[in-house]
Protein backbone atom coordinates (compact mmCIF):
# COMPACT_ATOMS: atom_id res chain seq x y z
CA MET A 1 -74.55 71.66 -26.17
CA LYS A 2 -72.56 69.57 -28.33
CA GLN A 3 -69.61 70.34 -26.95
CA VAL A 4 -70.68 69.27 -23.62
CA LYS A 5 -72.03 65.99 -24.97
CA LYS A 6 -68.71 64.96 -26.41
CA ILE A 7 -66.95 65.54 -23.23
CA ALA A 8 -69.71 63.30 -21.35
CA LEU A 9 -68.90 60.51 -24.05
CA LEU A 10 -65.27 61.21 -23.74
CA VAL A 11 -65.25 60.37 -20.09
CA ILE A 12 -67.67 57.50 -20.32
CA LEU A 13 -65.61 55.94 -22.49
CA SER A 14 -62.05 56.30 -20.19
CA LEU A 15 -64.02 54.70 -17.29
CA SER A 16 -64.60 51.93 -19.55
CA LEU A 17 -61.47 51.24 -20.72
CA ILE A 18 -60.16 51.40 -16.98
CA PHE A 19 -62.41 48.90 -15.97
CA THR A 20 -62.12 46.37 -18.54
CA GLY A 21 -58.52 46.54 -17.92
CA CYS A 22 -58.47 46.30 -14.27
CA GLY A 23 -61.22 42.71 -14.92
CA LYS A 24 -58.48 41.27 -17.00
CA THR A 25 -56.19 42.06 -14.46
CA ASP A 26 -57.94 40.21 -11.87
CA ASN A 27 -58.95 37.69 -14.53
CA ALA A 28 -54.80 36.79 -14.96
CA ALA A 29 -54.57 36.70 -11.14
CA GLY A 30 -57.39 34.25 -10.81
CA LYS A 31 -56.19 31.74 -13.82
CA ASN A 32 -52.19 32.16 -11.83
CA ASP A 33 -54.26 31.01 -8.18
CA SER A 34 -55.58 28.09 -9.64
CA LYS A 35 -52.62 26.50 -10.98
CA GLU A 36 -50.18 27.91 -7.81
CA THR A 37 -48.34 24.06 -8.20
CA ASN A 38 -47.61 25.05 -11.91
CA ALA A 39 -46.40 28.71 -11.53
CA GLN A 40 -44.88 31.11 -9.01
CA SER A 41 -44.82 34.77 -8.76
CA SER A 42 -41.07 35.94 -8.57
CA GLU A 43 -40.27 37.30 -5.12
CA GLY A 44 -40.41 41.43 -4.61
CA THR A 45 -41.92 41.58 -7.85
CA GLY A 46 -45.13 40.46 -8.39
CA THR A 47 -44.32 39.12 -11.84
CA ALA A 48 -45.74 35.99 -12.47
CA VAL A 49 -43.69 32.87 -14.10
CA PRO A 50 -46.10 31.36 -16.85
CA ALA A 51 -46.16 27.45 -15.53
CA ASP A 52 -45.06 26.03 -18.96
CA THR A 53 -41.78 28.19 -18.88
CA LEU A 54 -41.38 26.08 -15.42
CA GLU A 55 -42.07 22.86 -16.68
CA THR A 56 -39.14 23.84 -19.88
CA THR A 57 -36.93 24.64 -17.10
CA LYS A 58 -37.36 21.48 -15.01
CA ALA A 59 -36.58 19.25 -17.88
CA ALA A 60 -33.98 20.89 -19.15
CA GLU A 61 -32.47 19.99 -15.45
CA GLU A 62 -33.04 16.78 -15.87
CA THR A 63 -31.56 16.22 -19.40
CA GLU A 64 -28.30 18.28 -18.01
CA THR A 65 -25.05 16.42 -18.68
CA PRO A 66 -23.86 14.56 -15.68
CA LYS A 67 -21.16 15.59 -13.51
CA GLU A 68 -17.97 14.15 -14.22
CA PRO A 69 -16.21 11.96 -11.92
CA VAL A 70 -13.61 13.54 -10.08
CA GLU A 71 -10.08 11.24 -11.41
CA ILE A 72 -7.66 9.87 -8.40
CA GLU A 73 -4.06 9.18 -9.93
CA PHE A 74 -3.28 6.66 -7.91
CA TRP A 75 0.58 4.63 -7.74
CA HIS A 76 1.37 1.61 -6.46
CA ALA A 77 4.11 -0.74 -7.36
CA LEU A 78 2.33 -4.16 -7.62
CA GLY A 79 2.78 -6.75 -10.60
CA GLY A 80 1.45 -10.06 -10.93
CA THR A 81 -1.06 -12.07 -8.75
CA LEU A 82 -0.85 -8.88 -6.13
CA GLY A 83 -1.48 -6.40 -9.37
CA ASP A 84 -4.35 -8.18 -10.36
CA THR A 85 -5.91 -8.54 -7.01
CA LEU A 86 -5.29 -4.72 -6.37
CA THR A 87 -6.47 -4.04 -9.54
CA GLY A 88 -9.98 -6.15 -9.26
CA ILE A 89 -10.54 -3.77 -6.12
CA ILE A 90 -9.98 -0.57 -8.04
CA ASN A 91 -12.53 -1.67 -10.93
CA GLU A 92 -15.19 -2.93 -8.32
CA TYR A 93 -14.84 0.52 -6.54
CA ASN A 94 -15.25 2.41 -9.67
CA ALA A 95 -18.34 0.39 -10.45
CA SER A 96 -19.48 1.04 -7.32
CA GLN A 97 -20.12 5.02 -7.39
CA SER A 98 -19.96 7.89 -10.02
CA LYS A 99 -18.25 10.24 -8.17
CA TYR A 100 -14.65 9.09 -8.39
CA ILE A 101 -12.66 7.69 -10.52
CA ILE A 102 -9.19 5.32 -9.51
CA LYS A 103 -6.89 6.12 -12.08
CA PRO A 104 -4.10 3.35 -11.41
CA VAL A 105 -0.30 3.96 -12.05
CA VAL A 106 2.01 0.73 -11.85
CA ILE A 107 5.49 1.84 -10.69
CA GLY A 108 8.42 -0.64 -11.13
CA SER A 109 9.52 -0.26 -7.60
CA TYR A 110 9.38 1.18 -4.36
CA SER A 111 12.64 3.40 -5.11
CA GLU A 112 11.02 4.39 -8.23
CA ILE A 113 7.96 5.11 -6.36
CA ASP A 114 10.34 7.76 -4.75
CA GLN A 115 12.12 8.73 -7.46
CA LYS A 116 9.04 9.56 -9.47
CA LEU A 117 7.36 11.18 -6.69
CA GLN A 118 10.38 13.48 -5.50
CA ALA A 119 10.41 14.60 -9.06
CA ALA A 120 6.75 14.97 -9.34
CA PHE A 121 6.42 17.56 -6.09
CA ALA A 122 8.74 19.59 -8.08
CA GLY A 123 6.79 19.40 -10.89
CA LYS A 124 3.65 20.23 -8.88
CA ASN A 125 2.15 17.16 -10.82
CA ALA A 126 1.71 14.64 -7.91
CA PRO A 127 -1.10 12.01 -7.86
CA ALA A 128 -3.55 11.94 -5.28
CA LEU A 129 -2.71 9.00 -3.65
CA VAL A 130 0.18 6.19 -3.48
CA ALA A 131 0.35 2.81 -2.06
CA GLY A 132 4.39 2.24 -0.68
CA GLY A 133 7.78 3.88 -1.09
CA SER A 134 9.15 5.98 1.61
CA HIS A 135 5.92 7.49 3.29
CA ASP A 136 8.01 8.77 6.63
CA THR A 137 10.69 10.01 4.55
CA PHE A 138 7.83 12.42 2.59
CA TYR A 139 5.58 12.95 5.59
CA LYS A 140 8.73 14.74 7.59
CA LYS A 141 9.60 17.21 4.57
CA GLY A 142 5.72 18.20 5.08
CA LEU A 143 4.55 16.45 2.08
CA VAL A 144 1.72 14.45 3.05
CA GLU A 145 -1.77 15.49 4.16
CA ALA A 146 -3.06 14.06 7.34
CA PHE A 147 -5.26 10.74 6.50
CA GLU A 148 -7.36 11.49 9.52
CA ASP A 149 -8.60 14.90 7.73
CA TYR A 150 -9.77 13.36 4.76
CA MET A 151 -11.30 9.97 5.88
CA PRO A 152 -14.89 8.76 5.99
CA GLU A 153 -17.14 9.10 9.09
CA ASP A 154 -17.50 5.10 8.66
CA TYR A 155 -13.64 4.25 8.44
CA ASN A 156 -13.45 2.55 11.40
CA LYS A 157 -9.93 2.93 13.34
CA ASP A 158 -10.58 0.74 15.89
CA ASP A 159 -10.85 -2.58 13.66
CA ILE A 160 -7.27 -1.95 12.53
CA VAL A 161 -4.39 -3.97 14.10
CA GLY A 162 -2.98 -2.49 16.97
CA GLY A 163 0.66 -2.48 15.09
CA PHE A 164 -0.37 -1.24 11.93
CA MET A 165 -2.29 1.44 14.00
CA ASP A 166 0.81 2.48 15.77
CA ALA A 167 2.81 2.96 12.43
CA ALA A 168 0.28 5.02 10.59
CA LEU A 169 0.10 7.70 13.70
CA ARG A 170 2.40 10.52 14.23
CA ASP A 171 2.19 13.16 17.29
CA GLY A 172 -1.05 10.75 17.99
CA LYS A 173 -3.48 11.45 14.72
CA MET A 174 -3.11 9.05 11.89
CA VAL A 175 -1.70 10.42 8.87
CA PHE A 176 -1.39 6.96 7.03
CA ALA A 177 -4.01 4.49 6.17
CA PRO A 178 -2.72 0.72 6.48
CA ALA A 179 -2.88 -0.73 2.87
CA TYR A 180 -1.30 -4.07 3.93
CA GLY A 181 1.21 -5.95 6.40
CA THR A 182 4.79 -7.84 5.57
CA SER A 183 7.53 -9.62 7.05
CA GLN A 184 9.93 -12.00 5.45
CA VAL A 185 9.44 -15.15 5.68
CA LEU A 186 11.14 -18.77 4.83
CA TYR A 187 9.94 -20.44 1.84
CA TYR A 188 11.19 -24.20 1.23
CA ASN A 189 11.15 -27.14 -0.21
CA LYS A 190 9.55 -29.49 2.05
CA ALA A 191 9.95 -32.66 -0.14
CA VAL A 192 13.82 -32.14 -0.08
CA LEU A 193 13.95 -31.31 3.80
CA THR A 194 12.20 -34.47 4.29
CA GLU A 195 13.97 -36.60 2.30
CA ALA A 196 17.42 -35.23 3.69
CA GLY A 197 16.10 -36.29 7.06
CA TYR A 198 15.20 -32.73 8.71
CA THR A 199 12.06 -31.15 10.13
CA GLU A 200 11.44 -27.39 10.50
CA ASP A 201 12.58 -27.23 13.79
CA ASN A 202 16.17 -26.83 11.36
CA LEU A 203 15.09 -24.02 10.43
CA THR A 204 14.81 -22.08 13.35
CA SER A 205 18.57 -20.74 13.65
CA TRP A 206 20.85 -19.93 11.12
CA GLN A 207 23.43 -21.67 12.25
CA LYS A 208 20.74 -24.96 11.92
CA LEU A 209 19.73 -24.38 8.59
CA GLU A 210 22.81 -23.81 7.07
CA ALA A 211 24.36 -26.64 8.87
CA MET A 212 22.00 -28.53 6.33
CA LYS A 213 23.64 -28.28 3.37
CA ASP A 214 26.54 -31.39 4.21
CA LYS A 215 22.95 -33.28 3.22
CA THR A 216 20.61 -31.34 0.94
CA LEU A 217 23.24 -30.03 -1.40
CA GLY A 218 23.28 -32.51 -4.33
CA ILE A 219 19.68 -33.99 -3.97
CA SER A 220 18.05 -34.48 -6.91
CA THR A 221 14.86 -32.73 -8.20
CA ASN A 222 14.36 -34.86 -10.88
CA LYS A 223 15.14 -31.66 -13.52
CA ASN A 224 18.02 -30.35 -11.22
CA LYS A 225 19.81 -30.77 -8.42
CA ILE A 226 20.30 -28.57 -5.02
CA GLU A 227 22.83 -26.47 -5.39
CA TYR A 228 22.41 -23.61 -2.72
CA VAL A 229 20.92 -24.65 1.23
CA TRP A 230 19.24 -21.08 0.97
CA GLU A 231 19.57 -17.90 -1.05
CA PRO A 232 18.61 -14.76 1.18
CA MET A 233 17.18 -11.98 -0.62
CA TRP A 234 19.72 -9.16 -2.19
CA GLY A 235 19.53 -5.83 0.18
CA GLU A 236 20.10 -4.82 4.18
CA TYR A 237 16.87 -6.15 4.90
CA ASN A 238 17.62 -9.82 5.59
CA MET A 239 20.71 -9.21 7.15
CA MET A 240 19.11 -6.34 9.66
CA ASP A 241 16.58 -9.06 10.33
CA ALA A 242 19.49 -11.85 11.50
CA VAL A 243 21.13 -9.28 13.17
CA SER A 244 18.33 -8.02 15.30
CA SER A 245 17.82 -11.42 16.37
CA ALA A 246 21.40 -11.37 17.44
CA GLY A 247 20.41 -8.42 19.71
CA GLY A 248 22.01 -5.60 17.41
CA LYS A 249 20.50 -2.25 16.70
CA VAL A 250 21.03 0.34 13.79
CA VAL A 251 21.20 3.31 16.10
CA SER A 252 21.86 3.80 19.46
CA ASP A 253 18.57 4.39 22.27
CA ASP A 254 19.55 8.00 22.77
CA GLY A 255 19.39 8.82 19.11
CA LYS A 256 23.08 9.97 18.69
CA THR A 257 25.62 7.05 17.96
CA VAL A 258 25.15 4.83 14.58
CA LEU A 259 25.91 0.80 15.74
CA ILE A 260 25.96 -0.43 12.68
CA ASN A 261 29.93 -1.09 13.18
CA ASP A 262 29.56 -2.71 16.32
CA SER A 263 30.87 -6.44 16.88
CA THR A 264 27.02 -7.95 16.42
CA TRP A 265 26.50 -6.46 12.79
CA VAL A 266 30.21 -7.12 11.95
CA GLU A 267 29.94 -11.09 13.06
CA VAL A 268 26.60 -11.54 11.57
CA LEU A 269 27.30 -10.00 8.21
CA ASP A 270 30.69 -11.54 8.01
CA GLN A 271 29.21 -14.96 8.41
CA PHE A 272 26.98 -14.26 5.73
CA ARG A 273 29.64 -12.78 3.65
CA LYS A 274 31.42 -16.90 3.89
CA TRP A 275 28.53 -19.05 3.42
CA ILE A 276 27.95 -17.00 -0.06
CA HIS A 277 31.71 -16.83 -0.73
CA GLU A 278 33.95 -19.17 0.63
CA ASP A 279 31.29 -22.03 1.53
CA LYS A 280 28.94 -21.44 -1.51
CA SER A 281 26.70 -22.85 0.61
CA MET A 282 24.23 -19.30 0.21
CA LYS A 283 23.39 -17.35 -3.04
CA ILE A 284 22.62 -13.41 -3.81
CA TYR A 285 20.96 -12.75 -7.16
CA SER A 286 21.39 -8.66 -7.37
CA GLY A 287 20.72 -6.00 -9.92
CA GLY A 288 18.44 -6.10 -13.39
CA GLN A 289 15.21 -4.62 -13.93
CA GLY A 290 12.71 -3.78 -11.31
CA TRP A 291 11.85 -6.97 -9.27
CA GLU A 292 14.02 -9.25 -11.49
CA TYR A 293 16.58 -10.67 -8.96
CA TRP A 294 13.81 -11.14 -6.65
CA TYR A 295 12.56 -13.41 -9.33
CA LYS A 296 15.39 -15.20 -10.47
CA THR A 297 15.81 -15.97 -6.73
CA MET A 298 12.52 -17.21 -6.30
CA ASP A 299 12.83 -19.47 -9.41
CA ASP A 300 15.82 -21.06 -7.78
CA TRP A 301 13.65 -22.50 -5.31
CA VAL A 302 10.72 -23.25 -7.44
CA TYR A 303 12.92 -25.16 -9.96
CA GLY A 304 15.15 -27.00 -7.36
CA LYS A 305 18.22 -25.50 -7.30
CA ALA A 306 17.91 -24.31 -3.67
CA LEU A 307 16.07 -25.53 -0.57
CA GLY A 308 14.42 -22.39 -0.20
CA TYR A 309 15.07 -18.28 -0.09
CA THR A 310 14.00 -15.81 2.37
CA GLY A 311 10.71 -13.66 0.61
CA SER A 312 8.03 -11.70 1.43
CA PRO A 313 4.49 -12.76 2.29
CA GLY A 314 3.42 -11.11 -0.78
CA ASP A 315 4.86 -13.63 -2.23
CA TYR A 316 2.55 -16.64 -1.22
CA ALA A 317 -0.35 -16.40 -4.29
CA ILE A 318 2.71 -16.14 -6.63
CA ALA A 319 4.96 -18.67 -5.36
CA LEU A 320 2.35 -21.29 -4.92
CA ASP A 321 1.26 -21.14 -8.54
CA ALA A 322 4.48 -21.40 -9.44
CA VAL A 323 5.74 -24.41 -7.56
CA ASN A 324 2.28 -26.09 -8.30
CA LYS A 325 2.92 -25.48 -12.65
CA ALA A 326 6.62 -26.70 -11.81
CA ILE A 327 5.38 -30.02 -10.06
CA THR A 328 3.56 -30.90 -12.99
CA GLU A 329 6.62 -30.25 -15.14
CA GLY A 330 7.78 -32.69 -13.27
CA TYR A 331 10.10 -30.88 -10.57
CA LYS A 332 10.24 -32.33 -6.94
CA ASN A 333 9.02 -29.60 -4.85
CA GLU A 334 6.70 -29.66 -2.06
CA PHE A 335 5.19 -25.76 -0.77
CA ALA A 336 5.82 -24.47 2.59
CA VAL A 337 6.60 -21.14 4.29
CA ALA A 338 7.93 -21.04 7.97
CA VAL A 339 8.74 -18.12 10.01
CA GLN A 340 12.13 -16.40 10.20
CA PRO A 341 15.12 -18.12 11.90
CA GLY A 342 16.84 -16.69 15.13
CA TRP A 343 20.76 -16.21 15.25
CA ASN A 344 22.48 -18.77 17.35
CA GLY A 345 20.08 -19.96 19.54
CA ASN A 346 17.84 -16.72 20.10
CA GLU A 347 14.80 -15.96 18.96
CA PRO A 348 13.48 -14.74 15.69
CA LYS A 349 13.12 -11.06 15.75
CA PRO A 350 12.81 -9.67 12.12
CA TYR A 351 11.31 -6.52 11.47
CA PHE A 352 7.74 -5.75 9.87
CA SER A 353 6.48 -3.04 8.32
CA SER A 354 3.02 -2.08 7.48
CA LEU A 355 2.69 -0.42 3.56
CA MET A 356 0.72 2.63 3.75
CA TYR A 357 -1.56 4.35 1.65
CA TYR A 358 -0.88 8.10 1.81
CA ILE A 359 -1.97 11.17 0.32
CA PRO A 360 0.24 13.49 -1.11
CA LYS A 361 0.05 17.43 -0.16
CA SER A 362 0.26 19.31 -3.45
CA SER A 363 -0.81 22.41 -4.71
CA ASN A 364 -1.82 20.45 -8.08
CA LEU A 365 -4.43 18.60 -5.83
CA SER A 366 -7.72 19.94 -5.38
CA GLU A 367 -9.92 18.86 -2.16
CA ASP A 368 -12.10 16.84 -3.78
CA GLN A 369 -9.46 14.72 -5.05
CA LYS A 370 -8.12 13.93 -1.46
CA LYS A 371 -11.42 13.39 -0.39
CA GLY A 372 -11.99 10.65 -3.18
CA ALA A 373 -8.67 9.23 -2.47
CA ALA A 374 -9.73 8.63 1.12
CA ASP A 375 -12.96 7.45 0.13
CA PHE A 376 -11.41 4.58 -1.97
CA VAL A 377 -8.72 3.51 0.71
CA ASN A 378 -11.71 3.06 3.11
CA TYR A 379 -13.28 1.20 0.31
CA ALA A 380 -10.07 -1.15 -0.32
CA THR A 381 -9.30 -1.95 3.54
CA ASN A 382 -12.93 -2.37 4.71
CA THR A 383 -12.82 -5.74 6.23
CA GLY A 384 -13.89 -8.00 2.77
CA ASN A 385 -11.72 -6.42 0.78
CA THR A 386 -8.67 -6.42 3.03
CA ALA A 387 -9.23 -10.56 3.28
CA LYS A 388 -9.08 -10.71 -0.25
CA PHE A 389 -6.35 -8.80 -0.68
CA SER A 390 -4.68 -11.15 1.98
CA MET A 391 -6.22 -14.14 0.39
CA GLY A 392 -5.05 -12.85 -3.10
CA THR A 393 -1.60 -11.77 -2.13
CA GLY A 394 -0.44 -13.47 0.87
CA TYR A 395 0.05 -9.79 2.81
CA VAL A 396 -0.91 -9.41 6.08
CA ALA A 397 -4.81 -8.04 6.81
CA VAL A 398 -4.62 -4.85 8.41
CA ARG A 399 -8.29 -5.17 10.31
CA LYS A 400 -8.85 -7.36 13.58
CA SER A 401 -12.13 -8.23 11.89
CA VAL A 402 -11.22 -10.35 9.10
CA LEU A 403 -10.45 -13.50 11.74
CA ASP A 404 -13.72 -13.68 12.33
CA LEU A 405 -14.90 -13.79 8.25
CA PRO A 406 -15.98 -17.40 7.15
CA GLU A 407 -14.42 -17.03 4.13
CA TYR A 408 -11.19 -16.25 5.74
CA GLN A 409 -11.04 -19.17 7.97
CA GLU A 410 -11.47 -21.74 5.31
CA TYR A 411 -8.86 -20.08 3.58
CA LEU A 412 -6.70 -20.35 6.36
CA LYS A 413 -7.70 -24.37 6.21
CA SER A 414 -6.84 -25.19 2.97
CA ASN A 415 -3.64 -22.86 3.21
CA PRO A 416 -2.28 -23.26 6.67
CA ASP A 417 1.32 -21.62 5.75
CA ALA A 418 -0.33 -19.00 4.68
CA ASP A 419 -0.58 -17.66 8.42
CA ALA A 420 3.34 -17.60 8.40
CA ALA A 421 3.96 -13.75 8.15
CA LEU A 422 0.57 -12.97 10.65
CA LYS A 423 2.20 -15.50 13.15
CA GLN A 424 5.43 -13.44 12.70
CA ILE A 425 4.31 -10.12 13.28
CA ASP A 426 2.23 -11.76 16.37
CA GLN A 427 4.70 -13.43 17.80
CA TYR A 428 8.43 -11.99 17.17
CA ALA A 429 8.66 -9.33 14.92
CA VAL A 430 9.27 -5.82 15.66
CA PRO A 431 8.68 -2.77 14.22
CA GLU A 432 10.35 -1.76 11.09
CA PHE A 433 13.38 1.02 11.79
CA ILE A 434 12.46 4.37 11.07
CA ASP A 435 15.80 6.45 9.57
CA PRO A 436 15.88 9.89 11.59
CA THR A 437 17.86 11.03 8.79
CA GLY A 438 15.42 10.57 6.33
CA GLY A 439 17.24 7.57 4.73
CA ALA A 440 21.05 8.23 5.29
CA ILE A 441 21.61 5.22 7.58
CA LEU A 442 19.71 3.25 5.58
CA ASP A 443 22.13 3.93 2.34
CA ALA A 444 24.94 3.49 3.87
CA LEU A 445 23.99 0.29 4.88
CA LYS A 446 22.54 -0.90 2.06
CA GLU A 447 25.90 0.45 0.36
CA ALA A 448 27.78 -1.78 2.82
CA VAL A 449 25.81 -4.73 2.54
CA ASP A 450 26.32 -4.73 -1.60
CA LYS A 451 30.18 -4.96 -0.96
CA ILE A 452 29.42 -7.63 1.44
CA GLN A 453 27.32 -9.58 -0.37
CA ILE A 454 28.18 -9.13 -4.10
CA GLU A 455 31.97 -7.96 -3.95
CA ASN A 456 33.04 -10.49 -0.88
CA VAL A 457 34.43 -7.33 1.11
CA PRO A 458 34.84 -8.06 4.68
CA ALA A 459 32.20 -7.01 7.15
CA LYS A 460 34.29 -4.83 9.36
CA LYS A 461 36.25 -2.90 6.38
CA ALA A 462 32.37 -1.98 4.45
CA LEU A 463 30.38 -1.67 8.03
CA ASP A 464 33.04 0.92 9.35
CA GLU A 465 33.33 2.99 6.11
CA ALA A 466 29.22 2.67 6.15
CA ALA A 467 29.21 3.87 10.09
CA LYS A 468 31.64 6.64 9.64
CA LYS A 469 29.22 8.04 6.82
CA ALA A 470 26.37 7.56 8.44
CA GLN A 471 27.52 9.01 11.61
CA LYS A 472 28.30 12.38 9.95
CA GLU A 473 24.66 12.48 8.70
CA LEU A 474 23.17 11.36 12.08
CA ASP A 475 25.48 14.64 13.55
CA LYS A 476 24.01 17.05 11.64
CA ILE A 477 20.52 16.14 12.89
CA ASN A 478 21.35 16.14 16.53
CA LYS A 479 22.72 19.38 16.55
């Protein structure tokens, strides 16, 4: 009997423990149901996550260290006011967002960009963005990404000035992004021009311009006197502009024959040789470090040794500041800018170029870096910033909507000659020559021009040698 009682007691105790356990489980579930906004069940397991654990996780996420911005290394060759203006835009961009950060690297010249970029491709350490240099040469080597593949949705292609957009396209696709435009113009001392009894009409042809030497050479500019009627810029480009007006071409229309030694080229370049070396009415500065030759040429005009010089619209801000400073120092000068002359009564026909932003194609660059490069370009070339860059540097803005900006309209009123390059591109200029050999023709031409401008070698001799060398390279790609 006692044994039966013991068994019954054990059964009762067991049932009591089972029901007590179930009661606690229901109670816990009830508490969780009442706080469903603070705790959730793990999917598929039924395991409840305590509310305090989720709150701790959320707090940790909120205090997690922010992701570092993607670094965009950006190469360009702008110095002085030009570089300062671009740096301002870069700083504003970096401050406007936290996803990307632009790290600018200033290179000495466009030719140095080409050299360093070629080495960077070889070393697989190319920058994410470049402005300037031989963008088309690198594109033909398959070393440039298509900008269109990375540009933000709000980049307005339709607003880009027509000529600039044409220069950015390859096979109908936007490979490059126009940064700014340039076509070399005349900077001259209006005070001396007027004193000699001339007007801007005397600057409309190279022959008229050179003929002014009779009345301009020797005019006092207070601390100096006019020694040269004009100073073309060293290199082949001013010569190409003059030849273009005379009707000359670099290569035949069928792309098979180099023409840089035909009668037109010989006539134009030999005339410049005579003006420089025989008449000594013109002067060429060459060589030096970086842009040294450029600034020496400009200085002769600023400080009253030359009536004028041929330079970039990008010189505008620097040149205007320099002339104003020279005037305060007692030099006689009145700042003025005009379009380039024609040749022997022909209309001017200078080349214009669109300096491009481009994204290198290199294995060291991530997709985020390429997107960041395009994002910065979109910012740097929006209507406000392309206007700011143009007003700050003199380079031609790339967006048509700039003309509608009140601040740009006011700028043109107070700086009337600042639109000389824009007028030149609009009315006279032709797109720059793209060397089909990747640079061999222009290299041969540059070598010949150096011999003519610096060494006084007759144009026919120098150009014949250059044409032979260039033709050999052109034949290679036409096989």
